[in-house]
C-alpha atoms as a PDB file:
ATOM      1  CA  MET A   1     135.841 117.676 121.176  1.00  0.00           C
ATOM      2  CA  LYS A   2     133.621 120.150 118.739  1.00  0.00           C
ATOM      3  CA  LEU A   3     135.456 121.247 115.631  1.00  0.00           C
ATOM      4  CA  ARG A   4     135.150 124.968 115.090  1.00  0.00           C
ATOM      5  CA  THR A   5     133.504 125.648 112.263  1.00  0.00           C
ATOM      6  CA  ILE A   6     133.124 129.110 109.265  1.00  0.00           C
ATOM      7  CA  PHE A   7     129.533 128.364 107.596  1.00  0.00           C
ATOM      8  CA  PHE A   8     129.690 130.967 104.640  1.00  0.00           C
ATOM      9  CA  CYS A   9     125.752 131.076 104.292  1.00  0.00           C
ATOM     10  CA  GLY A  10     124.239 132.458 100.735  1.00  0.00           C
ATOM     11  CA  HIS A  11     121.937 134.184 102.824  1.00  0.00           C
ATOM     12  CA  LYS A  12     119.698 136.007 100.024  1.00  0.00           C
ATOM     13  CA  SER A  13     118.680 132.359  98.483  1.00  0.00           C
ATOM     14  CA  PRO A  14     115.864 130.635 100.381  1.00  0.00           C
ATOM     15  CA  TYR A  15     118.350 127.140 100.108  1.00  0.00           C
ATOM     16  CA  GLY A  16     121.373 128.620 101.527  1.00  0.00           C
ATOM     17  CA  LEU A  17     119.470 130.528 104.372  1.00  0.00           C
ATOM     18  CA  ALA A  18     117.678 127.079 105.314  1.00  0.00           C
ATOM     19  CA  HIS A  19     121.083 125.905 106.325  1.00  0.00           C
ATOM     20  CA  LEU A  20     121.815 128.393 108.899  1.00  0.00           C
ATOM     21  CA  GLU A  21     119.744 127.374 112.022  1.00  0.00           C
ATOM     22  CA  PRO A  22     120.648 123.387 111.858  1.00  0.00           C
ATOM     23  CA  ILE A  23     124.275 124.272 111.194  1.00  0.00           C
ATOM     24  CA  LEU A  24     124.303 126.563 114.667  1.00  0.00           C
ATOM     25  CA  GLU A  25     122.098 124.109 116.521  1.00  0.00           C
ATOM     26  CA  SER A  26     124.216 121.000 115.445  1.00  0.00           C
ATOM     27  CA  ASP A  27     127.268 119.736 117.644  1.00  0.00           C
ATOM     28  CA  LEU A  28     129.554 121.232 115.796  1.00  0.00           C
ATOM     29  CA  GLU A  29     131.229 125.044 117.347  1.00  0.00           C
ATOM     30  CA  VAL A  30     130.346 127.773 114.771  1.00  0.00           C
ATOM     31  CA  ILE A  31     133.017 130.670 115.284  1.00  0.00           C
ATOM     32  CA  ALA A  32     131.822 132.564 112.621  1.00  0.00           C
ATOM     33  CA  VAL A  33     128.984 133.283 109.946  1.00  0.00           C
ATOM     34  CA  VAL A  34     130.048 134.500 106.304  1.00  0.00           C
ATOM     35  CA  VAL A  35     127.775 136.758 104.582  1.00  0.00           C
ATOM     36  CA  ALA A  36     128.672 138.284 100.865  1.00  0.00           C
ATOM     37  CA  THR A  37     127.499 142.359 100.173  1.00  0.00           C
ATOM     38  CA  ASP A  38     124.783 143.149  97.870  1.00  0.00           C
ATOM     39  CA  GLU A  39     127.778 144.192  95.474  1.00  0.00           C
ATOM     40  CA  ARG A  40     129.213 140.452  95.478  1.00  0.00           C
ATOM     41  CA  TRP A  41     125.295 139.417  95.113  1.00  0.00           C
ATOM     42  CA  GLN A  42     124.844 141.383  92.077  1.00  0.00           C
ATOM     43  CA  HIS A  43     128.159 140.500  90.323  1.00  0.00           C
ATOM     44  CA  PHE A  44     127.165 136.962  91.379  1.00  0.00           C
ATOM     45  CA  TRP A  45     123.806 137.210  89.182  1.00  0.00           C
ATOM     46  CA  ASP A  46     125.250 139.272  86.578  1.00  0.00           C
ATOM     47  CA  ALA A  47     128.016 136.255  85.935  1.00  0.00           C
ATOM     48  CA  LEU A  48     125.579 133.711  85.922  1.00  0.00           C
ATOM     49  CA  GLY A  49     122.789 135.430  83.539  1.00  0.00           C
ATOM     50  CA  GLY A  50     125.401 135.690  80.993  1.00  0.00           C
ATOM     51  CA  LYS A  51     126.123 139.753  81.157  1.00  0.00           C
ATOM     52  CA  ILE A  52     129.918 141.205  81.278  1.00  0.00           C
ATOM     53  CA  TYR A  53     130.839 142.237  84.259  1.00  0.00           C
ATOM     54  CA  TYR A  54     133.100 145.421  83.367  1.00  0.00           C
ATOM     55  CA  GLN A  55     131.799 148.566  85.046  1.00  0.00           C
ATOM     56  CA  PRO A  56     133.612 150.836  87.047  1.00  0.00           C
ATOM     57  CA  ARG A  57     132.840 150.181  90.598  1.00  0.00           C
ATOM     58  CA  SER A  58     130.992 154.398  90.726  1.00  0.00           C
ATOM     59  CA  GLN A  59     128.677 152.903  87.941  1.00  0.00           C
ATOM     60  CA  GLN A  60     128.012 149.298  89.282  1.00  0.00           C
ATOM     61  CA  ARG A  61     124.061 149.186  90.227  1.00  0.00           C
ATOM     62  CA  PRO A  62     122.736 149.814  93.784  1.00  0.00           C
ATOM     63  CA  TRP A  63     120.943 146.614  94.966  1.00  0.00           C
ATOM     64  CA  ASN A  64     118.577 146.802  98.115  1.00  0.00           C
ATOM     65  CA  ASN A  65     115.569 145.843  97.267  1.00  0.00           C
ATOM     66  CA  ILE A  66     115.585 142.432  98.556  1.00  0.00           C
ATOM     67  CA  LYS A  67     112.313 141.250  97.949  1.00  0.00           C
ATOM     68  CA  ALA A  68     112.287 142.626  94.534  1.00  0.00           C
ATOM     69  CA  PHE A  69     115.114 140.087  93.339  1.00  0.00           C
ATOM     70  CA  ILE A  70     113.579 137.547  95.036  1.00  0.00           C
ATOM     71  CA  LYS A  71     110.000 137.930  92.650  1.00  0.00           C
ATOM     72  CA  ARG A  72     112.479 137.651  89.971  1.00  0.00           C
ATOM     73  CA  LYS A  73     114.121 134.595  90.630  1.00  0.00           C
ATOM     74  CA  PHE A  74     111.541 132.663  92.126  1.00  0.00           C
ATOM     75  CA  PRO A  75     108.076 131.368  90.602  1.00  0.00           C
ATOM     76  CA  PRO A  76     104.779 132.795  92.387  1.00  0.00           C
ATOM     77  CA  SER A  77     104.228 129.354  93.441  1.00  0.00           C
ATOM     78  CA  LEU A  78     107.591 128.804  95.475  1.00  0.00           C
ATOM     79  CA  LEU A  79     107.182 132.149  97.443  1.00  0.00           C
ATOM     80  CA  LYS A  80     103.578 131.175  98.633  1.00  0.00           C
ATOM     81  CA  LEU A  81     105.630 127.671 100.056  1.00  0.00           C
ATOM     82  CA  LEU A  82     108.682 129.437 101.413  1.00  0.00           C
ATOM     83  CA  LYS A  83     106.924 132.128 103.111  1.00  0.00           C
ATOM     84  CA  LYS A  84     105.563 129.694 105.518  1.00  0.00           C
ATOM     85  CA  SER A  85     108.476 127.907 105.686  1.00  0.00           C
ATOM     86  CA  LEU A  86     111.229 130.655 105.796  1.00  0.00           C
ATOM     87  CA  PRO A  87     111.512 133.701 107.835  1.00  0.00           C
ATOM     88  CA  ASP A  88     112.852 137.264 106.702  1.00  0.00           C
ATOM     89  CA  ILE A  89     116.351 137.972 106.021  1.00  0.00           C
ATOM     90  CA  ALA A  90     117.004 139.512 108.975  1.00  0.00           C
ATOM     91  CA  PHE A  91     116.716 136.551 110.116  1.00  0.00           C
ATOM     92  CA  VAL A  92     120.775 135.553 109.774  1.00  0.00           C
ATOM     93  CA  SER A  93     121.341 138.557 112.860  1.00  0.00           C
ATOM     94  CA  GLU A  94     118.626 137.907 115.147  1.00  0.00           C
ATOM     95  CA  LEU A  95     119.587 134.110 115.413  1.00  0.00           C
ATOM     96  CA  THR A  96     123.694 134.410 115.427  1.00  0.00           C
ATOM     97  CA  HIS A  97     122.482 137.472 118.012  1.00  0.00           C
ATOM     98  CA  ARG A  98     120.912 134.697 119.802  1.00  0.00           C
ATOM     99  CA  TYR A  99     123.859 132.306 119.859  1.00  0.00           C
ATOM    100  CA  GLN A 100     126.051 134.903 120.279  1.00  0.00           C
ATOM    101  CA  ILE A 101     128.054 134.489 116.647  1.00  0.00           C
ATOM    102  CA  PRO A 102     129.825 137.347 115.015  1.00  0.00           C
ATOM    103  CA  VAL A 103     128.959 137.720 111.299  1.00  0.00           C
ATOM    104  CA  TRP A 104     131.340 138.814 108.903  1.00  0.00           C
ATOM    105  CA  GLN A 105     130.389 140.597 105.980  1.00  0.00           C
ATOM    106  CA  VAL A 106     132.553 140.869 102.651  1.00  0.00           C
ATOM    107  CA  SER A 107     133.072 141.246  99.308  1.00  0.00           C
ATOM    108  CA  ASP A 108     136.014 139.066  98.617  1.00  0.00           C
ATOM    109  CA  ALA A 109     135.946 135.959 100.367  1.00  0.00           C
ATOM    110  CA  ASN A 110     139.688 135.190  98.403  1.00  0.00           C
ATOM    111  CA  GLU A 111     141.324 138.896  99.214  1.00  0.00           C
ATOM    112  CA  ALA A 112     144.449 138.426 101.300  1.00  0.00           C
ATOM    113  CA  SER A 113     142.798 140.622 104.288  1.00  0.00           C
ATOM    114  CA  PHE A 114     140.608 138.213 105.091  1.00  0.00           C
ATOM    115  CA  LEU A 115     142.498 135.152 104.391  1.00  0.00           C
ATOM    116  CA  GLN A 116     144.053 136.630 107.354  1.00  0.00           C
ATOM    117  CA  GLN A 117     140.993 136.725 108.741  1.00  0.00           C
ATOM    118  CA  VAL A 118     140.128 133.248 108.194  1.00  0.00           C
ATOM    119  CA  ARG A 119     143.974 131.819 109.749  1.00  0.00           C
ATOM    120  CA  ALA A 120     143.767 133.837 112.585  1.00  0.00           C
ATOM    121  CA  ALA A 121     140.496 132.207 113.627  1.00  0.00           C
ATOM    122  CA  LYS A 122     142.066 128.499 113.277  1.00  0.00           C
ATOM    123  CA  PRO A 123     138.430 126.966 112.287  1.00  0.00           C
ATOM    124  CA  ASP A 124     138.881 123.186 112.201  1.00  0.00           C
ATOM    125  CA  LEU A 125     136.155 122.718 109.342  1.00  0.00           C
ATOM    126  CA  ILE A 126     134.780 125.131 106.496  1.00  0.00           C
ATOM    127  CA  LEU A 127     130.750 124.855 104.885  1.00  0.00           C
ATOM    128  CA  SER A 128     129.029 126.681 102.442  1.00  0.00           C
ATOM    129  CA  ALA A 129     125.840 126.823 101.226  1.00  0.00           C
ATOM    130  CA  ALA A 130     124.650 128.429  98.145  1.00  0.00           C
ATOM    131  CA  TYR A 131     127.095 131.428  98.779  1.00  0.00           C
ATOM    132  CA  PRO A 132     127.972 133.429  95.894  1.00  0.00           C
ATOM    133  CA  GLN A 133     131.492 133.137  94.595  1.00  0.00           C
ATOM    134  CA  VAL A 134     133.942 130.265  93.710  1.00  0.00           C
ATOM    135  CA  PHE A 135     136.463 130.254  96.768  1.00  0.00           C
ATOM    136  CA  SER A 136     140.448 129.488  95.770  1.00  0.00           C
ATOM    137  CA  LYS A 137     142.634 126.828  96.725  1.00  0.00           C
ATOM    138  CA  GLU A 138     143.930 129.180  99.784  1.00  0.00           C
ATOM    139  CA  LEU A 139     140.925 129.790 101.316  1.00  0.00           C
ATOM    140  CA  ILE A 140     139.694 126.054 101.460  1.00  0.00           C
ATOM    141  CA  SER A 141     143.312 124.492 102.320  1.00  0.00           C
ATOM    142  CA  ILE A 142     143.114 126.547 105.607  1.00  0.00           C
ATOM    143  CA  SER A 143     140.810 124.359 107.690  1.00  0.00           C
ATOM    144  CA  LYS A 144     142.182 121.703 109.426  1.00  0.00           C
ATOM    145  CA  LYS A 145     139.605 119.205 107.899  1.00  0.00           C
ATOM    146  CA  GLY A 146     138.579 120.372 105.065  1.00  0.00           C
ATOM    147  CA  SER A 147     135.894 122.305 103.732  1.00  0.00           C
ATOM    148  CA  VAL A 148     132.546 121.222 102.548  1.00  0.00           C
ATOM    149  CA  ASN A 149     130.123 122.523 100.336  1.00  0.00           C
ATOM    150  CA  PHE A 150     125.770 121.628 100.565  1.00  0.00           C
ATOM    151  CA  HIS A 151     125.072 121.528  96.555  1.00  0.00           C
ATOM    152  CA  PRO A 152     121.791 120.878  95.360  1.00  0.00           C
ATOM    153  CA  SER A 153     122.141 117.649  93.146  1.00  0.00           C
ATOM    154  CA  LEU A 154     122.766 113.755  93.669  1.00  0.00           C
ATOM    155  CA  LEU A 155     126.361 114.367  92.726  1.00  0.00           C
ATOM    156  CA  PRO A 156     128.399 113.887  90.483  1.00  0.00           C
ATOM    157  CA  LYS A 157     124.863 114.791  88.186  1.00  0.00           C
ATOM    158  CA  TYR A 158     124.375 118.255  87.957  1.00  0.00           C
ATOM    159  CA  ARG A 159     127.758 119.935  88.598  1.00  0.00           C
ATOM    160  CA  GLY A 160     127.515 123.760  88.180  1.00  0.00           C
ATOM    161  CA  ALA A 161     124.254 126.627  88.765  1.00  0.00           C
ATOM    162  CA  HIS A 162     120.614 125.931  89.674  1.00  0.00           C
ATOM    163  CA  PRO A 163     120.574 121.841  89.429  1.00  0.00           C
ATOM    164  CA  HIS A 164     117.023 121.572  90.771  1.00  0.00           C
ATOM    165  CA  PHE A 165     115.826 123.396  87.423  1.00  0.00           C
ATOM    166  CA  TRP A 166     117.610 121.509  85.151  1.00  0.00           C
ATOM    167  CA  ALA A 167     116.934 117.576  87.051  1.00  0.00           C
ATOM    168  CA  ILE A 168     112.943 118.453  85.977  1.00  0.00           C
ATOM    169  CA  VAL A 169     113.641 119.657  82.583  1.00  0.00           C
ATOM    170  CA  LYS A 170     115.763 116.658  81.983  1.00  0.00           C
ATOM    171  CA  GLY A 171     112.781 114.760  83.648  1.00  0.00           C
ATOM    172  CA  GLU A 172     114.725 113.134  86.891  1.00  0.00           C
ATOM    173  CA  LYS A 173     112.983 111.059  88.534  1.00  0.00           C
ATOM    174  CA  VAL A 174     114.977 111.359  91.414  1.00  0.00           C
ATOM    175  CA  SER A 175     117.307 113.690  92.376  1.00  0.00           C
ATOM    176  CA  GLY A 176     118.499 115.207  95.963  1.00  0.00           C
ATOM    177  CA  MET A 177     121.341 116.923  98.054  1.00  0.00           C
ATOM    178  CA  THR A 178     125.400 115.858  98.581  1.00  0.00           C
ATOM    179  CA  ALA A 179     127.413 117.307 101.130  1.00  0.00           C
ATOM    180  CA  HIS A 180     131.176 117.014  99.769  1.00  0.00           C
ATOM    181  CA  PHE A 181     134.489 118.194  99.973  1.00  0.00           C
ATOM    182  CA  MET A 182     135.369 121.730  97.677  1.00  0.00           C
ATOM    183  CA  THR A 183     138.715 121.268  95.682  1.00  0.00           C
ATOM    184  CA  GLU A 184     140.281 123.601  93.046  1.00  0.00           C
ATOM    185  CA  ASN A 185     137.448 122.424  90.699  1.00  0.00           C
ATOM    186  CA  LEU A 186     133.597 123.037  90.829  1.00  0.00           C
ATOM    187  CA  ASP A 187     131.364 120.352  92.697  1.00  0.00           C
ATOM    188  CA  ASP A 188     133.986 117.559  92.140  1.00  0.00           C
ATOM    189  CA  GLY A 189     135.248 116.769  95.582  1.00  0.00           C
ATOM    190  CA  ASP A 190     134.779 113.785  97.604  1.00  0.00           C
ATOM    191  CA  ILE A 191     131.468 112.885  99.345  1.00  0.00           C
ATOM    192  CA  VAL A 192     130.546 113.128 102.485  1.00  0.00           C
ATOM    193  CA  ALA A 193     126.497 112.640 102.634  1.00  0.00           C
ATOM    194  CA  GLN A 194     123.905 112.282 100.374  1.00  0.00           C
ATOM    195  CA  LEU A 195     120.382 112.657 100.937  1.00  0.00           C
ATOM    196  CA  GLU A 196     118.273 111.242  97.919  1.00  0.00           C
ATOM    197  CA  ILE A 197     114.497 113.464  97.170  1.00  0.00           C
ATOM    198  CA  LEU A 198     111.606 111.401  94.712  1.00  0.00           C
ATOM    199  CA  ILE A 199     111.000 114.565  92.447  1.00  0.00           C
ATOM    200  CA  GLU A 200     108.563 112.693  89.096  1.00  0.00           C
ATOM    201  CA  HIS A 201     105.739 114.562  89.253  1.00  0.00           C
ATOM    202  CA  CYS A 202     107.188 117.625  91.346  1.00  0.00           C
ATOM    203  CA  THR A 203     106.992 120.950  90.182  1.00  0.00           C
ATOM    204  CA  TYR A 204     110.096 123.437  90.470  1.00  0.00           C
ATOM    205  CA  ALA A 205     107.906 124.513  93.873  1.00  0.00           C
ATOM    206  CA  GLU A 206     107.660 121.202  94.972  1.00  0.00           C
ATOM    207  CA  PHE A 207     111.120 120.389  94.513  1.00  0.00           C
ATOM    208  CA  TYR A 208     112.649 123.312  96.076  1.00  0.00           C
ATOM    209  CA  GLN A 209     110.736 122.853  98.845  1.00  0.00           C
ATOM    210  CA  LYS A 210     111.593 119.438  99.812  1.00  0.00           C
ATOM    211  CA  LEU A 211     115.060 120.392  99.631  1.00  0.00           C
ATOM    212  CA  ILE A 212     114.558 123.042 102.451  1.00  0.00           C
ATOM    213  CA  GLN A 213     112.525 120.458 104.254  1.00  0.00           C
ATOM    214  CA  GLU A 214     115.265 117.612 104.097  1.00  0.00           C
ATOM    215  CA  THR A 215     118.590 120.471 104.597  1.00  0.00           C
ATOM    216  CA  PRO A 216     117.976 119.795 108.374  1.00  0.00           C
ATOM    217  CA  ASN A 217     118.222 116.177 107.728  1.00  0.00           C
ATOM    218  CA  LEU A 218     121.853 116.138 105.433  1.00  0.00           C
ATOM    219  CA  VAL A 219     123.328 119.022 108.133  1.00  0.00           C
ATOM    220  CA  LYS A 220     122.745 115.906 110.835  1.00  0.00           C
ATOM    221  CA  LEU A 221     124.661 113.401 108.313  1.00  0.00           C
ATOM    222  CA  VAL A 222     127.617 115.966 107.888  1.00  0.00           C
ATOM    223  CA  ASP A 223     127.804 116.825 111.491  1.00  0.00           C
ATOM    224  CA  GLN A 224     127.979 113.009 112.418  1.00  0.00           C
ATOM    225  CA  PHE A 225     131.062 112.814 109.597  1.00  0.00           C
ATOM    226  CA  PHE A 226     133.168 114.326 111.410  1.00  0.00           C
ATOM    227  CA  GLN A 227     131.937 112.990 114.817  1.00  0.00           C
ATOM    228  CA  ASN A 228     133.061 110.142 113.882  1.00  0.00           C
ATOM    229  CA  GLN A 229     136.752 109.674 113.409  1.00  0.00           C
ATOM    230  CA  ASP A 230     136.612 106.174 111.375  1.00  0.00           C
ATOM    231  CA  SER A 231     134.284 108.315 108.236  1.00  0.00           C
ATOM    232  CA  VAL A 232     135.330 107.959 104.850  1.00  0.00           C
ATOM    233  CA  ALA A 233     134.457 110.655 102.394  1.00  0.00           C
ATOM    234  CA  ILE A 234     133.173 108.854  98.592  1.00  0.00           C
ATOM    235  CA  PRO A 235     134.584 109.361  95.791  1.00  0.00           C
ATOM    236  CA  GLN A 236     132.670 110.795  92.815  1.00  0.00           C
ATOM    237  CA  ASN A 237     132.252 108.753  89.870  1.00  0.00           C
ATOM    238  CA  LEU A 238     133.749 110.728  87.046  1.00  0.00           C
ATOM    239  CA  SER A 239     131.540 108.599  84.566  1.00  0.00           C
ATOM    240  CA  GLU A 240     128.377 109.790  86.158  1.00  0.00           C
ATOM    241  CA  ALA A 241     129.421 113.333  85.913  1.00  0.00           C
ATOM    242  CA  SER A 242     127.489 116.163  84.198  1.00  0.00           C
ATOM    243  CA  PHE A 243     127.731 119.512  84.546  1.00  0.00           C
ATOM    244  CA  PHE A 244     125.155 122.764  84.180  1.00  0.00           C
ATOM    245  CA  ARG A 245     125.275 126.523  83.802  1.00  0.00           C
ATOM    246  CA  ASN A 246     122.744 128.812  85.070  1.00  0.00           C
ATOM    247  CA  ASP A 247     119.603 128.648  83.484  1.00  0.00           C
ATOM    248  CA  ARG A 248     118.857 131.879  81.027  1.00  0.00           C
ATOM    249  CA  GLU A 249     116.194 133.121  79.306  1.00  0.00           C
ATOM    250  CA  ILE A 250     116.575 130.772  76.452  1.00  0.00           C
ATOM    251  CA  HIS A 251     116.729 127.784  78.018  1.00  0.00           C
ATOM    252  CA  ARG A 252     112.676 129.051  79.275  1.00  0.00           C
ATOM    253  CA  ARG A 253     111.512 129.248  76.345  1.00  0.00           C
ATOM    254  CA  ILE A 254     108.935 126.501  74.616  1.00  0.00           C
ATOM    255  CA  PHE A 255     110.156 125.833  70.800  1.00  0.00           C
ATOM    256  CA  TRP A 256     106.653 124.156  70.023  1.00  0.00           C
ATOM    257  CA  GLU A 257     108.536 122.781  66.786  1.00  0.00           C
ATOM    258  CA  LEU A 258     111.669 121.164  68.072  1.00  0.00           C
ATOM    259  CA  HIS A 259     110.540 120.193  71.395  1.00  0.00           C
ATOM    260  CA  THR A 260     108.521 116.844  72.380  1.00  0.00           C
ATOM    261  CA  ALA A 261     105.851 116.617  74.483  1.00  0.00           C
ATOM    262  CA  ILE A 262     107.227 115.407  77.509  1.00  0.00           C
ATOM    263  CA  GLU A 263     109.796 118.029  77.394  1.00  0.00           C
ATOM    264  CA  ILE A 264     107.186 120.466  76.896  1.00  0.00           C
ATOM    265  CA  HIS A 265     105.182 119.202  79.799  1.00  0.00           C
ATOM    266  CA  ASN A 266     108.894 118.594  82.129  1.00  0.00           C
ATOM    267  CA  LEU A 267     109.682 122.320  80.986  1.00  0.00           C
ATOM    268  CA  CYS A 268     106.477 123.690  82.663  1.00  0.00           C
ATOM    269  CA  ARG A 269     106.744 121.765  85.505  1.00  0.00           C
ATOM    270  CA  THR A 270     109.414 124.470  86.371  1.00  0.00           C
ATOM    271  CA  GLU A 271     106.836 126.940  86.506  1.00  0.00           C
ATOM    272  CA  GLN A 272     108.628 129.112  84.525  1.00  0.00           C
ATOM    273  CA  ALA A 273     108.343 127.683  80.910  1.00  0.00           C
ATOM    274  CA  PHE A 274     106.910 130.990  78.185  1.00  0.00           C
ATOM    275  CA  CYS A 275     106.612 131.161  74.817  1.00  0.00           C
ATOM    276  CA  PHE A 276     104.314 133.791  72.301  1.00  0.00           C
ATOM    277  CA  PHE A 277     100.269 134.381  71.744  1.00  0.00           C
ATOM    278  CA  ARG A 278      99.654 137.447  69.328  1.00  0.00           C
ATOM    279  CA  ASN A 279     102.855 139.060  70.285  1.00  0.00           C
ATOM    280  CA  VAL A 280     102.410 138.618  73.923  1.00  0.00           C
ATOM    281  CA  ARG A 281     104.183 136.597  76.277  1.00  0.00           C
ATOM    282  CA  ILE A 282     102.854 133.748  78.255  1.00  0.00           C
ATOM    283  CA  GLN A 283     104.106 131.061  80.427  1.00  0.00           C
ATOM    284  CA  CYS A 284     102.554 127.777  80.609  1.00  0.00           C
ATOM    285  CA  LEU A 285     101.636 126.750  83.789  1.00  0.00           C
ATOM    286  CA  LYS A 286     100.182 122.638  85.085  1.00  0.00           C
ATOM    287  CA  THR A 287     100.151 120.455  81.690  1.00  0.00           C
ATOM    288  CA  LYS A 288      99.474 117.066  80.796  1.00  0.00           C
ATOM    289  CA  ILE A 289     100.382 115.205  77.716  1.00  0.00           C
ATOM    290  CA  GLN A 290      97.830 113.234  75.948  1.00  0.00           C
ATOM    291  CA  SER A 291      98.408 111.309  72.203  1.00  0.00           C
ATOM    292  CA  THR A 292      95.902 112.643  70.221  1.00  0.00           C
ATOM    293  CA  ASN A 293      92.595 114.935  70.212  1.00  0.00           C
ATOM    294  CA  ARG A 294      89.389 114.310  69.480  1.00  0.00           C
ATOM    295  CA  ASN A 295      89.994 117.000  66.472  1.00  0.00           C
ATOM    296  CA  LEU A 296      92.727 115.471  64.997  1.00  0.00           C
ATOM    297  CA  THR A 297      90.626 112.861  62.579  1.00  0.00           C
ATOM    298  CA  ASN A 298      91.022 112.133  59.361  1.00  0.00           C
ATOM    299  CA  GLN A 299      94.956 112.134  59.314  1.00  0.00           C
ATOM    300  CA  VAL A 300      94.783 115.825  59.377  1.00  0.00           C
ATOM    301  CA  LEU A 301      98.058 117.502  58.763  1.00  0.00           C
ATOM    302  CA  VAL A 302      98.214 120.181  62.083  1.00  0.00           C
ATOM    303  CA  GLU A 303     101.589 122.681  62.664  1.00  0.00           C
ATOM    304  CA  THR A 304     103.106 122.344  65.547  1.00  0.00           C
ATOM    305  CA  GLY A 305     101.883 124.973  68.425  1.00  0.00           C
ATOM    306  CA  THR A 306      98.868 125.190  67.175  1.00  0.00           C
ATOM    307  CA  ILE A 307      95.622 125.087  69.249  1.00  0.00           C
ATOM    308  CA  VAL A 308      93.280 122.353  68.286  1.00  0.00           C
ATOM    309  CA  ASP A 309      90.874 122.062  71.493  1.00  0.00           C
ATOM    310  CA  ILE A 310      89.140 124.744  74.115  1.00  0.00           C
ATOM    311  CA  ASP A 311      87.529 122.644  77.031  1.00  0.00           C
ATOM    312  CA  LYS A 312      86.011 123.399  80.038  1.00  0.00           C
ATOM    313  CA  ASP A 313      89.373 122.886  82.002  1.00  0.00           C
ATOM    314  CA  SER A 314      92.552 123.322  79.136  1.00  0.00           C
ATOM    315  CA  LEU A 315      93.599 124.645  75.840  1.00  0.00           C
ATOM    316  CA  VAL A 316      94.869 121.624  73.601  1.00  0.00           C
ATOM    317  CA  VAL A 317      98.315 122.507  71.353  1.00  0.00           C
ATOM    318  CA  LYS A 318      99.600 120.545  69.291  1.00  0.00           C
ATOM    319  CA  ALA A 319     103.463 119.328  69.988  1.00  0.00           C
ATOM    320  CA  ARG A 320     105.345 117.522  68.031  1.00  0.00           C
ATOM    321  CA  ASP A 321     104.515 113.766  69.277  1.00  0.00           C
ATOM    322  CA  ALA A 322     101.336 114.362  71.430  1.00  0.00           C
ATOM    323  CA  CYS A 323      99.163 117.110  72.074  1.00  0.00           C
ATOM    324  CA  ILE A 324      99.398 119.195  75.526  1.00  0.00           C
ATOM    325  CA  HIS A 325      96.741 120.201  77.907  1.00  0.00           C
ATOM    326  CA  ILE A 326      97.182 123.832  79.630  1.00  0.00           C
ATOM    327  CA  TYR A 327      95.566 124.016  82.557  1.00  0.00           C
ATOM    328  CA  GLN A 328      96.773 127.610  83.631  1.00  0.00           C
ATOM    329  CA  ILE A 329      98.344 130.520  82.033  1.00  0.00           C
ATOM    330  CA  GLU A 330      99.813 133.648  83.692  1.00  0.00           C
ATOM    331  CA  GLU A 331     100.622 136.616  81.672  1.00  0.00           C
ATOM    332  CA  ASN A 332     101.632 139.730  82.916  1.00  0.00           C
ATOM    333  CA  GLY A 333     101.601 138.805  86.041  1.00  0.00           C
ATOM    334  CA  GLU A 334      97.910 137.727  86.525  1.00  0.00           C
ATOM    335  CA  LEU A 335      97.005 133.934  86.722  1.00  0.00           C
ATOM    336  CA  TYR A 336      94.594 132.290  84.321  1.00  0.00           C
ATOM    337  CA  LEU A 337      92.438 128.746  84.435  1.00  0.00           C
ATOM    338  CA  SER A 338      93.028 128.362  80.674  1.00  0.00           C
ATOM    339  CA  TYR A 339      89.361 128.405  79.637  1.00  0.00           C
ATOM    340  CA  ASN A 340      88.852 131.735  81.031  1.00  0.00           C
ATOM    341  CA  TRP A 341      91.945 132.707  79.100  1.00  0.00           C
ATOM    342  CA  ALA A 342      90.470 131.905  75.760  1.00  0.00           C
ATOM    343  CA  LYS A 343      87.031 133.383  76.891  1.00  0.00           C
ATOM    344  CA  LYS A 344      88.269 136.540  77.470  1.00  0.00           C
ATOM    345  CA  TYR A 345      91.084 136.851  74.163  1.00  0.00           C
ATOM    346  CA  GLN A 346      87.996 135.893  72.202  1.00  0.00           C
ATOM    347  CA  ILE A 347      91.023 132.465  71.097  1.00  0.00           C
ATOM    348  CA  TYR A 348      89.833 130.406  68.596  1.00  0.00           C
ATOM    349  CA  ILE A 349      90.601 126.518  67.508  1.00  0.00           C
ATOM    350  CA  GLY A 350      93.695 127.342  64.487  1.00  0.00           C
ATOM    351  CA  GLU A 351      95.497 130.272  66.475  1.00  0.00           C
ATOM    352  CA  LYS A 352      99.445 128.974  67.072  1.00  0.00           C
ATOM    353  CA  LEU A 353     101.389 129.372  69.768  1.00  0.00           C
ATOM    354  CA  LEU A 354     104.879 130.532  68.768  1.00  0.00           C
END
């Protein structure tokens, strides 16, 4: 017997949207797709960004330009990859119309009248991917078989927000994605299915693309879990649990005096790392670590952040414990090969990045 399923789709997240078609094509009987209003998404991103969300309803900012939001949130290299693999946001209504499934758009999924609407639908299962709200105990308890969330990390590691960013920053060699039962506590429910993804040399865009590509496989495992009556979810190992909040501006800054070379390199792999040069913000992309440099001879003492060499391929900067080759620099939305950037601004060895 097919399970009556309601899917809460985080449709303004490429990761959340990637789950929609695989779920609709599964053996589950999807009876409704729930999407959040622009107001809810704005609330969600303001909260993640550390803003105090107290404005009266009449003063809340409209958020109609979805493309502008995505450009702010994701690196350009990721957008290029996703453009080929993901349809436009309008795909939600087009696809649900094709499958003759209603779309419910709500501002508050925990509000009493919406809970009643969910109860009336009598779902066997609730699924959620990147939905911009924490569900109440009352909501997740409505479905007979439970409520399952899709999370882009290998739980119990990297609970919380933006785990794919933090897995790269922390230098993980393996990450992945998890489907788990939802509880009152964030990301701590028993595991339904997991998939590992090798990320040792991945940039943020490459890792994100792997998540998108593997999503149908994880959905298939979840489908099989509920089709098999003998399936048993696995409790998370609490001793391995870690929790991260959403990355903010300060988390993406390179602190040359404090970070090690490997920490700087991993931060640059997120494609969002930045520092300052001549009071101008620059982003550092495509880096490599080298133990020393041809100019660091005779036990010369050099401050961290100092440009020690400029060659035909890269800008070489002294870190605490090694040197960092920077191959690409982005400034004011324009991408440069480091040599061309140095030539344009007549940069000389001995200047500092801050």
